[in-house]
Amino acid sequence: MADTTIKITEEIRDRLRLLAEERSMSTRAFVEKLVAEIPTESERAERTARGIAYVSANLGVDLTDADLRDGDAWRHAIAARRVGSRR
């Protein structure tokens, strides 16, 4: 295992520690888990291709590029909390 040093603000360092503590993890383990869970662009593209193939094969719907753009915009809006709400 390699050691790496990154420069972050004290506030972010403290937040990382707190988030890790809340999950009963070390900061190192928390950062490793967090980064491992974020897909790369190529992984996202692969997931998207599998999803499109599934929809086509099982639902008989051929998604257009416009459908995919609309879906991506909707996903971004949800992540930005511009749509949807907790009830």
PDB file of N, CA and C in Angstrom:
ATOM      1  N   MET A   1       0.849  -1.168   0.000  1.00  0.00           N
ATOM      2  CA  MET A   1       0.000   0.000   0.000  1.00  0.00           C
ATOM      3  C   MET A   1       0.896   1.233   0.000  1.00  0.00           C
ATOM      4  N   ALA A   2       0.541   2.202  -0.826  1.00  0.00           N
ATOM      5  CA  ALA A   2       1.334   3.413  -0.953  1.00  0.00           C
ATOM      6  C   ALA A   2       0.764   4.523  -0.073  1.00  0.00           C
ATOM      7  N   ASP A   3       1.641   5.326   0.478  1.00  0.00           N
ATOM      8  CA  ASP A   3       1.218   6.509   1.211  1.00  0.00           C
ATOM      9  C   ASP A   3       1.235   7.694   0.260  1.00  0.00           C
ATOM     10  N   THR A   4       0.209   8.537   0.364  1.00  0.00           N
ATOM     11  CA  THR A   4       0.108   9.720  -0.468  1.00  0.00           C
ATOM     12  C   THR A   4      -0.265  10.892   0.421  1.00  0.00           C
ATOM     13  N   THR A   5       0.296  12.031   0.143  1.00  0.00           N
ATOM     14  CA  THR A   5      -0.027  13.231   0.897  1.00  0.00           C
ATOM     15  C   THR A   5      -0.769  14.189  -0.024  1.00  0.00           C
ATOM     16  N   ILE A   6      -1.894  14.712   0.475  1.00  0.00           N
ATOM     17  CA  ILE A   6      -2.622  15.733  -0.268  1.00  0.00           C
ATOM     18  C   ILE A   6      -2.789  16.949   0.635  1.00  0.00           C
ATOM     19  N   LYS A   7      -2.845  18.107   0.018  1.00  0.00           N
ATOM     20  CA  LYS A   7      -3.022  19.347   0.770  1.00  0.00           C
ATOM     21  C   LYS A   7      -4.499  19.721   0.741  1.00  0.00           C
ATOM     22  N   ILE A   8      -5.113  19.803   1.928  1.00  0.00           N
ATOM     23  CA  ILE A   8      -6.504  20.216   2.060  1.00  0.00           C
ATOM     24  C   ILE A   8      -6.595  21.205   3.214  1.00  0.00           C
ATOM     25  N   THR A   9      -7.679  21.935   3.258  1.00  0.00           N
ATOM     26  CA  THR A   9      -7.850  22.893   4.351  1.00  0.00           C
ATOM     27  C   THR A   9      -8.079  22.141   5.663  1.00  0.00           C
ATOM     28  N   GLU A  10      -7.839  22.816   6.754  1.00  0.00           N
ATOM     29  CA  GLU A  10      -8.077  22.211   8.065  1.00  0.00           C
ATOM     30  C   GLU A  10      -9.550  21.864   8.236  1.00  0.00           C
ATOM     31  N   GLU A  11     -10.428  22.712   7.697  1.00  0.00           N
ATOM     32  CA  GLU A  11     -11.865  22.454   7.816  1.00  0.00           C
ATOM     33  C   GLU A  11     -12.251  21.145   7.123  1.00  0.00           C
ATOM     34  N   ILE A  12     -11.702  20.906   5.950  1.00  0.00           N
ATOM     35  CA  ILE A  12     -12.013  19.669   5.220  1.00  0.00           C
ATOM     36  C   ILE A  12     -11.395  18.471   5.940  1.00  0.00           C
ATOM     37  N   ARG A  13     -10.181  18.630   6.436  1.00  0.00           N
ATOM     38  CA  ARG A  13      -9.549  17.545   7.201  1.00  0.00           C
ATOM     39  C   ARG A  13     -10.403  17.169   8.399  1.00  0.00           C
ATOM     40  N   ASP A  14     -10.868  18.175   9.131  1.00  0.00           N
ATOM     41  CA  ASP A  14     -11.695  17.916  10.307  1.00  0.00           C
ATOM     42  C   ASP A  14     -13.026  17.278   9.916  1.00  0.00           C
ATOM     43  N   ARG A  15     -13.588  17.718   8.800  1.00  0.00           N
ATOM     44  CA  ARG A  15     -14.847  17.134   8.332  1.00  0.00           C
ATOM     45  C   ARG A  15     -14.639  15.666   7.951  1.00  0.00           C
ATOM     46  N   LEU A  16     -13.549  15.363   7.266  1.00  0.00           N
ATOM     47  CA  LEU A  16     -13.245  13.971   6.921  1.00  0.00           C
ATOM     48  C   LEU A  16     -13.147  13.111   8.179  1.00  0.00           C
ATOM     49  N   ARG A  17     -12.447  13.633   9.179  1.00  0.00           N
ATOM     50  CA  ARG A  17     -12.318  12.889  10.436  1.00  0.00           C
ATOM     51  C   ARG A  17     -13.673  12.642  11.086  1.00  0.00           C
ATOM     52  N   LEU A  18     -14.516  13.676  11.116  1.00  0.00           N
ATOM     53  CA  LEU A  18     -15.839  13.549  11.718  1.00  0.00           C
ATOM     54  C   LEU A  18     -16.698  12.543  10.949  1.00  0.00           C
ATOM     55  N   LEU A  19     -16.702  12.657   9.637  1.00  0.00           N
ATOM     56  CA  LEU A  19     -17.480  11.721   8.825  1.00  0.00           C
ATOM     57  C   LEU A  19     -17.005  10.289   9.036  1.00  0.00           C
ATOM     58  N   ALA A  20     -15.706  10.100   9.115  1.00  0.00           N
ATOM     59  CA  ALA A  20     -15.150   8.763   9.346  1.00  0.00           C
ATOM     60  C   ALA A  20     -15.538   8.251  10.731  1.00  0.00           C
ATOM     61  N   GLU A  21     -15.404   9.100  11.744  1.00  0.00           N
ATOM     62  CA  GLU A  21     -15.770   8.709  13.112  1.00  0.00           C
ATOM     63  C   GLU A  21     -17.232   8.292  13.195  1.00  0.00           C
ATOM     64  N   GLU A  22     -18.113   9.038  12.527  1.00  0.00           N
ATOM     65  CA  GLU A  22     -19.542   8.722  12.561  1.00  0.00           C
ATOM     66  C   GLU A  22     -19.834   7.338  11.972  1.00  0.00           C
ATOM     67  N   ARG A  23     -18.931   6.869  11.154  1.00  0.00           N
ATOM     68  CA  ARG A  23     -19.101   5.555  10.520  1.00  0.00           C
ATOM     69  C   ARG A  23     -18.192   4.498  11.147  1.00  0.00           C
ATOM     70  N   SER A  24     -17.574   4.858  12.270  1.00  0.00           N
ATOM     71  CA  SER A  24     -16.642   3.964  12.975  1.00  0.00           C
ATOM     72  C   SER A  24     -15.529   3.483  12.046  1.00  0.00           C
ATOM     73  N   MET A  25     -14.985   4.418  11.285  1.00  0.00           N
ATOM     74  CA  MET A  25     -13.917   4.103  10.340  1.00  0.00           C
ATOM     75  C   MET A  25     -12.743   5.035  10.591  1.00  0.00           C
ATOM     76  N   SER A  26     -11.574   4.605  10.128  1.00  0.00           N
ATOM     77  CA  SER A  26     -10.441   5.520  10.124  1.00  0.00           C
ATOM     78  C   SER A  26     -10.633   6.491   8.959  1.00  0.00           C
ATOM     79  N   THR A  27      -9.974   7.630   9.030  1.00  0.00           N
ATOM     80  CA  THR A  27     -10.063   8.586   7.933  1.00  0.00           C
ATOM     81  C   THR A  27      -9.564   7.955   6.645  1.00  0.00           C
ATOM     82  N   ARG A  28      -8.483   7.207   6.732  1.00  0.00           N
ATOM     83  CA  ARG A  28      -7.926   6.548   5.548  1.00  0.00           C
ATOM     84  C   ARG A  28      -8.940   5.588   4.931  1.00  0.00           C
ATOM     85  N   ALA A  29      -9.573   4.760   5.746  1.00  0.00           N
ATOM     86  CA  ALA A  29     -10.557   3.807   5.246  1.00  0.00           C
ATOM     87  C   ALA A  29     -11.756   4.526   4.641  1.00  0.00           C
ATOM     88  N   PHE A  30     -12.177   5.618   5.278  1.00  0.00           N
ATOM     89  CA  PHE A  30     -13.313   6.376   4.775  1.00  0.00           C
ATOM     90  C   PHE A  30     -13.006   6.965   3.406  1.00  0.00           C
ATOM     91  N   VAL A  31     -11.838   7.586   3.264  1.00  0.00           N
ATOM     92  CA  VAL A  31     -11.459   8.182   1.983  1.00  0.00           C
ATOM     93  C   VAL A  31     -11.342   7.107   0.906  1.00  0.00           C
ATOM     94  N   GLU A  32     -10.732   5.965   1.255  1.00  0.00           N
ATOM     95  CA  GLU A  32     -10.614   4.874   0.285  1.00  0.00           C
ATOM     96  C   GLU A  32     -11.990   4.392  -0.167  1.00  0.00           C
ATOM     97  N   LYS A  33     -12.912   4.223   0.773  1.00  0.00           N
ATOM     98  CA  LYS A  33     -14.266   3.765   0.446  1.00  0.00           C
ATOM     99  C   LYS A  33     -14.983   4.792  -0.411  1.00  0.00           C
ATOM    100  N   LEU A  34     -14.878   6.050  -0.031  1.00  0.00           N
ATOM    101  CA  LEU A  34     -15.540   7.127  -0.750  1.00  0.00           C
ATOM    102  C   LEU A  34     -15.066   7.188  -2.202  1.00  0.00           C
ATOM    103  N   VAL A  35     -13.779   7.174  -2.397  1.00  0.00           N
ATOM    104  CA  VAL A  35     -13.221   7.275  -3.750  1.00  0.00           C
ATOM    105  C   VAL A  35     -13.530   6.020  -4.559  1.00  0.00           C
ATOM    106  N   ALA A  36     -13.481   4.869  -3.937  1.00  0.00           N
ATOM    107  CA  ALA A  36     -13.761   3.615  -4.647  1.00  0.00           C
ATOM    108  C   ALA A  36     -15.202   3.558  -5.149  1.00  0.00           C
ATOM    109  N   GLU A  37     -16.117   4.248  -4.463  1.00  0.00           N
ATOM    110  CA  GLU A  37     -17.528   4.200  -4.829  1.00  0.00           C
ATOM    111  C   GLU A  37     -17.902   5.176  -5.939  1.00  0.00           C
ATOM    112  N   ILE A  38     -17.037   6.119  -6.266  1.00  0.00           N
ATOM    113  CA  ILE A  38     -17.346   7.098  -7.313  1.00  0.00           C
ATOM    114  C   ILE A  38     -16.906   6.516  -8.658  1.00  0.00           C
ATOM    115  N   PRO A  39     -17.857   6.324  -9.569  1.00  0.00           N
ATOM    116  CA  PRO A  39     -17.471   5.723 -10.848  1.00  0.00           C
ATOM    117  C   PRO A  39     -16.700   6.702 -11.732  1.00  0.00           C
ATOM    118  N   THR A  40     -15.779   6.144 -12.507  1.00  0.00           N
ATOM    119  CA  THR A  40     -15.078   6.946 -13.507  1.00  0.00           C
ATOM    120  C   THR A  40     -16.026   7.202 -14.672  1.00  0.00           C
ATOM    121  N   GLU A  41     -15.659   8.098 -15.569  1.00  0.00           N
ATOM    122  CA  GLU A  41     -16.495   8.361 -16.731  1.00  0.00           C
ATOM    123  C   GLU A  41     -16.677   7.101 -17.569  1.00  0.00           C
ATOM    124  N   SER A  42     -15.614   6.309 -17.731  1.00  0.00           N
ATOM    125  CA  SER A  42     -15.740   5.086 -18.531  1.00  0.00           C
ATOM    126  C   SER A  42     -16.640   4.069 -17.830  1.00  0.00           C
ATOM    127  N   GLU A  43     -16.581   3.992 -16.506  1.00  0.00           N
ATOM    128  CA  GLU A  43     -17.482   3.092 -15.769  1.00  0.00           C
ATOM    129  C   GLU A  43     -18.933   3.544 -15.905  1.00  0.00           C
ATOM    130  N   ARG A  44     -19.148   4.860 -15.842  1.00  0.00           N
ATOM    131  CA  ARG A  44     -20.512   5.392 -16.023  1.00  0.00           C
ATOM    132  C   ARG A  44     -21.028   5.091 -17.417  1.00  0.00           C
ATOM    133  N   ALA A  45     -20.171   5.261 -18.418  1.00  0.00           N
ATOM    134  CA  ALA A  45     -20.570   4.984 -19.804  1.00  0.00           C
ATOM    135  C   ALA A  45     -20.931   3.514 -19.969  1.00  0.00           C
ATOM    136  N   GLU A  46     -20.157   2.639 -19.326  1.00  0.00           N
ATOM    137  CA  GLU A  46     -20.434   1.203 -19.401  1.00  0.00           C
ATOM    138  C   GLU A  46     -21.767   0.875 -18.727  1.00  0.00           C
ATOM    139  N   ARG A  47     -22.025   1.456 -17.565  1.00  0.00           N
ATOM    140  CA  ARG A  47     -23.301   1.240 -16.869  1.00  0.00           C
ATOM    141  C   ARG A  47     -24.460   1.729 -17.724  1.00  0.00           C
ATOM    142  N   THR A  48     -24.272   2.893 -18.342  1.00  0.00           N
ATOM    143  CA  THR A  48     -25.319   3.456 -19.190  1.00  0.00           C
ATOM    144  C   THR A  48     -25.614   2.528 -20.359  1.00  0.00           C
ATOM    145  N   ALA A  49     -24.562   2.026 -20.992  1.00  0.00           N
ATOM    146  CA  ALA A  49     -24.742   1.116 -22.130  1.00  0.00           C
ATOM    147  C   ALA A  49     -25.481  -0.146 -21.693  1.00  0.00           C
ATOM    148  N   ARG A  50     -25.126  -0.688 -20.536  1.00  0.00           N
ATOM    149  CA  ARG A  50     -25.824  -1.876 -20.036  1.00  0.00           C
ATOM    150  C   ARG A  50     -27.289  -1.568 -19.739  1.00  0.00           C
ATOM    151  N   GLY A  51     -27.545  -0.398 -19.174  1.00  0.00           N
ATOM    152  CA  GLY A  51     -28.913   0.006 -18.867  1.00  0.00           C
ATOM    153  C   GLY A  51     -29.750   0.175 -20.127  1.00  0.00           C
ATOM    154  N   ILE A  52     -29.173   0.814 -21.138  1.00  0.00           N
ATOM    155  CA  ILE A  52     -29.877   1.008 -22.404  1.00  0.00           C
ATOM    156  C   ILE A  52     -30.176  -0.345 -23.043  1.00  0.00           C
ATOM    157  N   ALA A  53     -29.212  -1.246 -23.031  1.00  0.00           N
ATOM    158  CA  ALA A  53     -29.407  -2.584 -23.603  1.00  0.00           C
ATOM    159  C   ALA A  53     -30.509  -3.326 -22.853  1.00  0.00           C
ATOM    160  N   TYR A  54     -30.536  -3.189 -21.526  1.00  0.00           N
ATOM    161  CA  TYR A  54     -31.568  -3.848 -20.725  1.00  0.00           C
ATOM    162  C   TYR A  54     -32.954  -3.311 -21.075  1.00  0.00           C
ATOM    163  N   VAL A  55     -33.067  -1.994 -21.117  1.00  0.00           N
ATOM    164  CA  VAL A  55     -34.361  -1.379 -21.429  1.00  0.00           C
ATOM    165  C   VAL A  55     -34.835  -1.826 -22.805  1.00  0.00           C
ATOM    166  N   SER A  56     -33.941  -1.816 -23.761  1.00  0.00           N
ATOM    167  CA  SER A  56     -34.301  -2.233 -25.111  1.00  0.00           C
ATOM    168  C   SER A  56     -34.726  -3.694 -25.160  1.00  0.00           C
ATOM    169  N   ALA A  57     -33.954  -4.569 -24.512  1.00  0.00           N
ATOM    170  CA  ALA A  57     -34.228  -6.009 -24.565  1.00  0.00           C
ATOM    171  C   ALA A  57     -35.459  -6.412 -23.761  1.00  0.00           C
ATOM    172  N   ASN A  58     -35.677  -5.758 -22.614  1.00  0.00           N
ATOM    173  CA  ASN A  58     -36.739  -6.206 -21.716  1.00  0.00           C
ATOM    174  C   ASN A  58     -38.012  -5.370 -21.762  1.00  0.00           C
ATOM    175  N   LEU A  59     -37.899  -4.136 -22.194  1.00  0.00           N
ATOM    176  CA  LEU A  59     -39.077  -3.270 -22.233  1.00  0.00           C
ATOM    177  C   LEU A  59     -39.479  -2.904 -23.654  1.00  0.00           C
ATOM    178  N   GLY A  60     -38.618  -3.239 -24.608  1.00  0.00           N
ATOM    179  CA  GLY A  60     -38.922  -2.952 -26.006  1.00  0.00           C
ATOM    180  C   GLY A  60     -38.911  -1.479 -26.350  1.00  0.00           C
ATOM    181  N   VAL A  61     -38.169  -0.686 -25.594  1.00  0.00           N
ATOM    182  CA  VAL A  61     -38.102   0.753 -25.823  1.00  0.00           C
ATOM    183  C   VAL A  61     -36.698   1.093 -26.296  1.00  0.00           C
ATOM    184  N   ASP A  62     -36.622   1.809 -27.413  1.00  0.00           N
ATOM    185  CA  ASP A  62     -35.329   2.286 -27.898  1.00  0.00           C
ATOM    186  C   ASP A  62     -35.160   3.734 -27.466  1.00  0.00           C
ATOM    187  N   LEU A  63     -34.232   3.966 -26.554  1.00  0.00           N
ATOM    188  CA  LEU A  63     -33.996   5.307 -26.037  1.00  0.00           C
ATOM    189  C   LEU A  63     -33.192   6.117 -27.049  1.00  0.00           C
ATOM    190  N   THR A  64     -33.610   7.354 -27.251  1.00  0.00           N
ATOM    191  CA  THR A  64     -32.903   8.244 -28.166  1.00  0.00           C
ATOM    192  C   THR A  64     -31.830   9.015 -27.403  1.00  0.00           C
ATOM    193  N   ASP A  65     -30.964   9.687 -28.156  1.00  0.00           N
ATOM    194  CA  ASP A  65     -29.964  10.548 -27.516  1.00  0.00           C
ATOM    195  C   ASP A  65     -30.641  11.637 -26.696  1.00  0.00           C
ATOM    196  N   ALA A  66     -31.771  12.151 -27.182  1.00  0.00           N
ATOM    197  CA  ALA A  66     -32.510  13.177 -26.439  1.00  0.00           C
ATOM    198  C   ALA A  66     -33.036  12.607 -25.122  1.00  0.00           C
ATOM    199  N   ASP A  67     -33.524  11.360 -25.152  1.00  0.00           N
ATOM    200  CA  ASP A  67     -33.990  10.716 -23.917  1.00  0.00           C
ATOM    201  C   ASP A  67     -32.853  10.632 -22.901  1.00  0.00           C
ATOM    202  N   LEU A  68     -31.680  10.257 -23.366  1.00  0.00           N
ATOM    203  CA  LEU A  68     -30.529  10.119 -22.473  1.00  0.00           C
ATOM    204  C   LEU A  68     -30.097  11.465 -21.919  1.00  0.00           C
ATOM    205  N   ARG A  69     -30.110  12.511 -22.767  1.00  0.00           N
ATOM    206  CA  ARG A  69     -29.765  13.859 -22.283  1.00  0.00           C
ATOM    207  C   ARG A  69     -30.770  14.329 -21.240  1.00  0.00           C
ATOM    208  N   ASP A  70     -32.062  14.087 -21.510  1.00  0.00           N
ATOM    209  CA  ASP A  70     -33.102  14.479 -20.551  1.00  0.00           C
ATOM    210  C   ASP A  70     -32.930  13.733 -19.231  1.00  0.00           C
ATOM    211  N   GLY A  71     -32.628  12.445 -19.314  1.00  0.00           N
ATOM    212  CA  GLY A  71     -32.408  11.648 -18.103  1.00  0.00           C
ATOM    213  C   GLY A  71     -31.208  12.133 -17.316  1.00  0.00           C
ATOM    214  N   ASP A  72     -30.142  12.479 -18.028  1.00  0.00           N
ATOM    215  CA  ASP A  72     -28.945  12.984 -17.352  1.00  0.00           C
ATOM    216  C   ASP A  72     -29.222  14.328 -16.687  1.00  0.00           C
ATOM    217  N   ALA A  73     -29.961  15.195 -17.376  1.00  0.00           N
ATOM    218  CA  ALA A  73     -30.314  16.494 -16.794  1.00  0.00           C
ATOM    219  C   ALA A  73     -31.176  16.301 -15.555  1.00  0.00           C
ATOM    220  N   TRP A  74     -32.093  15.352 -15.595  1.00  0.00           N
ATOM    221  CA  TRP A  74     -32.959  15.063 -14.448  1.00  0.00           C
ATOM    222  C   TRP A  74     -32.143  14.548 -13.274  1.00  0.00           C
ATOM    223  N   ARG A  75     -31.179  13.649 -13.553  1.00  0.00           N
ATOM    224  CA  ARG A  75     -30.316  13.116 -12.501  1.00  0.00           C
ATOM    225  C   ARG A  75     -29.511  14.233 -11.848  1.00  0.00           C
ATOM    226  N   HIS A  76     -28.980  15.140 -12.673  1.00  0.00           N
ATOM    227  CA  HIS A  76     -28.215  16.268 -12.126  1.00  0.00           C
ATOM    228  C   HIS A  76     -29.107  17.180 -11.278  1.00  0.00           C
ATOM    229  N   ALA A  77     -30.343  17.395 -11.731  1.00  0.00           N
ATOM    230  CA  ALA A  77     -31.274  18.236 -10.968  1.00  0.00           C
ATOM    231  C   ALA A  77     -31.601  17.605  -9.622  1.00  0.00           C
ATOM    232  N   ILE A  78     -31.760  16.291  -9.605  1.00  0.00           N
ATOM    233  CA  ILE A  78     -32.027  15.599  -8.345  1.00  0.00           C
ATOM    234  C   ILE A  78     -30.822  15.733  -7.417  1.00  0.00           C
ATOM    235  N   ALA A  79     -29.618  15.500  -7.962  1.00  0.00           N
ATOM    236  CA  ALA A  79     -28.395  15.591  -7.138  1.00  0.00           C
ATOM    237  C   ALA A  79     -28.207  17.010  -6.594  1.00  0.00           C
ATOM    238  N   ALA A  80     -28.624  18.008  -7.362  1.00  0.00           N
ATOM    239  CA  ALA A  80     -28.499  19.407  -6.936  1.00  0.00           C
ATOM    240  C   ALA A  80     -29.688  19.837  -6.081  1.00  0.00           C
ATOM    241  N   ARG A  81     -30.603  18.908  -5.819  1.00  0.00           N
ATOM    242  CA  ARG A  81     -31.803  19.155  -5.005  1.00  0.00           C
ATOM    243  C   ARG A  81     -32.713  20.224  -5.602  1.00  0.00           C
ATOM    244  N   ARG A  82     -32.708  20.300  -6.948  1.00  0.00           N
ATOM    245  CA  ARG A  82     -33.615  21.242  -7.620  1.00  0.00           C
ATOM    246  C   ARG A  82     -34.988  20.614  -7.873  1.00  0.00           C
ATOM    247  N   VAL A  83     -35.062  19.281  -7.844  1.00  0.00           N
ATOM    248  CA  VAL A  83     -36.343  18.584  -8.003  1.00  0.00           C
ATOM    249  C   VAL A  83     -36.431  17.500  -6.939  1.00  0.00           C
ATOM    250  N   GLY A  84     -37.645  17.079  -6.668  1.00  0.00           N
ATOM    251  CA  GLY A  84     -37.846  16.033  -5.661  1.00  0.00           C
ATOM    252  C   GLY A  84     -37.803  16.619  -4.266  1.00  0.00           C
ATOM    253  N   SER A  85     -38.374  15.886  -3.353  1.00  0.00           N
ATOM    254  CA  SER A  85     -38.343  16.321  -1.955  1.00  0.00           C
ATOM    255  C   SER A  85     -38.576  15.118  -1.065  1.00  0.00           C
ATOM    256  N   ARG A  86     -38.160  15.252   0.160  1.00  0.00           N
ATOM    257  CA  ARG A  86     -38.441  14.223   1.164  1.00  0.00           C
ATOM    258  C   ARG A  86     -39.762  14.543   1.807  1.00  0.00           C
ATOM    259  N   ARG A  87     -40.553  13.526   1.957  1.00  0.00           N
ATOM    260  CA  ARG A  87     -41.882  13.762   2.559  1.00  0.00           C
ATOM    261  C   ARG A  87     -42.037  12.947   3.792  1.00  0.00           C
TER     262      ARG A  87
END
